[in-house]
Each structure stands twice: as C-alpha cells, then as structure tokens.
Amino acid sequence: MKISEVKKKFKNTWVLLEVIKENELNQPVDVKPLLASSDRNKIYERIAKVPKGKTVATLYTGRISGSFLFKCQF
C-alpha cells in the first residue's frame, strides 16, 4: 500500500506501518498498516510487540499545528 492510500483510508488517525519497501532516501514507499488508532499510546504499545528485524514507521494522517520534536532513545 502506498502512503497516499494510507492517508485516504485512515483520516485523522495514528497509523503504525510495517515498511515493505524504501526509496533511496530510506523513506517508506510501500507499507502494510499494522494498527490504526486515534490513541497514540496504543500505537506505542503495539511497537513494543513488533518482532526484531521488522522495520516500522508511524504516521499521523491529520493536520498537526505548531512544531513538535519527539526524542527517541533505544
């Protein structure tokens, strides 16, 4: 599924995606939705259950006003 299809299917929603294919800039091109939720915490809980070796991405399909920076450390 393309990112544009995900945005059309899941409006104003957080989506956890398994990355199937990336472009030369390592941006997801082909993805498989794993979970869609209006609650971002449910997305984080599901990320913890993703098997090692899988590449995932999160996407919010709505509009975010202002600037946000999320620091992640693994």
C-alpha atoms as a PDB file:
ATOM      1  CA  MET A   1       0.000   0.000   0.000  1.00  0.00           C
ATOM      2  CA  LYS A   2       1.291   3.475  -0.795  1.00  0.00           C
ATOM      3  CA  ILE A   3       1.472   6.234   1.838  1.00  0.00           C
ATOM      4  CA  SER A   4      -1.119   8.252  -0.106  1.00  0.00           C
ATOM      5  CA  GLU A   5      -3.540   5.300   0.148  1.00  0.00           C
ATOM      6  CA  VAL A   6      -2.959   5.067   3.905  1.00  0.00           C
ATOM      7  CA  LYS A   7      -3.755   8.784   4.287  1.00  0.00           C
ATOM      8  CA  LYS A   8      -7.025   8.358   2.359  1.00  0.00           C
ATOM      9  CA  LYS A   9      -8.095   5.221   4.234  1.00  0.00           C
ATOM     10  CA  PHE A  10      -7.232   6.413   7.765  1.00  0.00           C
ATOM     11  CA  LYS A  11      -8.164  10.072   8.241  1.00  0.00           C
ATOM     12  CA  ASN A  12      -7.022  11.993  11.349  1.00  0.00           C
ATOM     13  CA  THR A  13      -5.551   8.812  12.804  1.00  0.00           C
ATOM     14  CA  TRP A  14      -2.232   7.488  14.088  1.00  0.00           C
ATOM     15  CA  VAL A  15      -1.079   4.548  11.982  1.00  0.00           C
ATOM     16  CA  LEU A  16       1.664   2.009  12.680  1.00  0.00           C
ATOM     17  CA  LEU A  17       3.126   0.756   9.416  1.00  0.00           C
ATOM     18  CA  GLU A  18       5.402  -2.114   8.524  1.00  0.00           C
ATOM     19  CA  VAL A  19       7.819  -0.826   5.900  1.00  0.00           C
ATOM     20  CA  ILE A  20       7.880  -3.168   2.912  1.00  0.00           C
ATOM     21  CA  LYS A  21       9.964  -1.022   0.555  1.00  0.00           C
ATOM     22  CA  GLU A  22      12.007   2.194   0.950  1.00  0.00           C
ATOM     23  CA  ASN A  23      13.306   4.657  -1.634  1.00  0.00           C
ATOM     24  CA  GLU A  24      16.948   5.709  -1.986  1.00  0.00           C
ATOM     25  CA  LEU A  25      16.469   8.221   0.870  1.00  0.00           C
ATOM     26  CA  ASN A  26      15.203   5.457   3.196  1.00  0.00           C
ATOM     27  CA  GLN A  27      11.674   6.874   3.117  1.00  0.00           C
ATOM     28  CA  PRO A  28       8.809   4.350   3.192  1.00  0.00           C
ATOM     29  CA  VAL A  29       7.312   3.807  -0.267  1.00  0.00           C
ATOM     30  CA  ASP A  30       5.343   0.583   0.172  1.00  0.00           C
ATOM     31  CA  VAL A  31       3.850  -0.177   3.591  1.00  0.00           C
ATOM     32  CA  LYS A  32       1.480  -2.520   5.387  1.00  0.00           C
ATOM     33  CA  PRO A  33      -0.754  -1.000   8.103  1.00  0.00           C
ATOM     34  CA  LEU A  34      -0.414  -2.888  11.387  1.00  0.00           C
ATOM     35  CA  LEU A  35      -2.635  -0.719  13.604  1.00  0.00           C
ATOM     36  CA  ALA A  36      -4.679   2.446  13.262  1.00  0.00           C
ATOM     37  CA  SER A  37      -5.878   4.325  16.334  1.00  0.00           C
ATOM     38  CA  SER A  38      -6.836   7.790  17.485  1.00  0.00           C
ATOM     39  CA  ASP A  39      -4.879   6.984  20.675  1.00  0.00           C
ATOM     40  CA  ARG A  40      -1.140   7.376  20.064  1.00  0.00           C
ATOM     41  CA  ASN A  41      -0.356   5.339  23.206  1.00  0.00           C
ATOM     42  CA  LYS A  42      -1.934   2.252  21.608  1.00  0.00           C
ATOM     43  CA  ILE A  43       0.490   2.673  18.711  1.00  0.00           C
ATOM     44  CA  TYR A  44       3.439   2.788  21.143  1.00  0.00           C
ATOM     45  CA  GLU A  45       2.189  -0.332  22.949  1.00  0.00           C
ATOM     46  CA  ARG A  46       1.996  -2.195  19.624  1.00  0.00           C
ATOM     47  CA  ILE A  47       5.507  -1.055  18.610  1.00  0.00           C
ATOM     48  CA  ALA A  48       6.857  -2.901  21.647  1.00  0.00           C
ATOM     49  CA  LYS A  49       5.423  -6.146  20.218  1.00  0.00           C
ATOM     50  CA  VAL A  50       6.967  -5.814  16.745  1.00  0.00           C
ATOM     51  CA  PRO A  51       9.369  -8.707  16.092  1.00  0.00           C
ATOM     52  CA  LYS A  52      13.059  -7.894  15.777  1.00  0.00           C
ATOM     53  CA  GLY A  53      14.179  -7.368  12.214  1.00  0.00           C
ATOM     54  CA  LYS A  54      10.962  -5.645  11.103  1.00  0.00           C
ATOM     55  CA  THR A  55      11.136  -2.014  10.058  1.00  0.00           C
ATOM     56  CA  VAL A  56       8.182   0.093  11.171  1.00  0.00           C
ATOM     57  CA  ALA A  57       7.106   3.709  10.887  1.00  0.00           C
ATOM     58  CA  THR A  58       4.381   5.800  12.473  1.00  0.00           C
ATOM     59  CA  LEU A  59       2.242   8.307  10.661  1.00  0.00           C
ATOM     60  CA  TYR A  60      -0.420  10.771  11.735  1.00  0.00           C
ATOM     61  CA  THR A  61      -2.789  11.361   8.859  1.00  0.00           C
ATOM     62  CA  GLY A  62      -4.338  14.547  10.204  1.00  0.00           C
ATOM     63  CA  ARG A  63      -3.065  18.077  10.488  1.00  0.00           C
ATOM     64  CA  ILE A  64      -0.676  18.933  13.323  1.00  0.00           C
ATOM     65  CA  SER A  65      -0.419  22.615  14.143  1.00  0.00           C
ATOM     66  CA  GLY A  66       2.748  24.042  15.620  1.00  0.00           C
ATOM     67  CA  SER A  67       6.146  22.408  15.814  1.00  0.00           C
ATOM     68  CA  PHE A  68       6.835  19.144  17.566  1.00  0.00           C
ATOM     69  CA  LEU A  69      10.047  17.315  18.276  1.00  0.00           C
ATOM     70  CA  PHE A  70       9.997  13.844  19.790  1.00  0.00           C
ATOM     71  CA  LYS A  71      13.251  12.470  21.090  1.00  0.00           C
ATOM     72  CA  CYS A  72      13.527   8.697  20.963  1.00  0.00           C
ATOM     73  CA  GLN A  73      16.321   6.740  22.523  1.00  0.00           C
ATOM     74  CA  PHE A  74      16.758   2.979  22.204  1.00  0.00           C
END
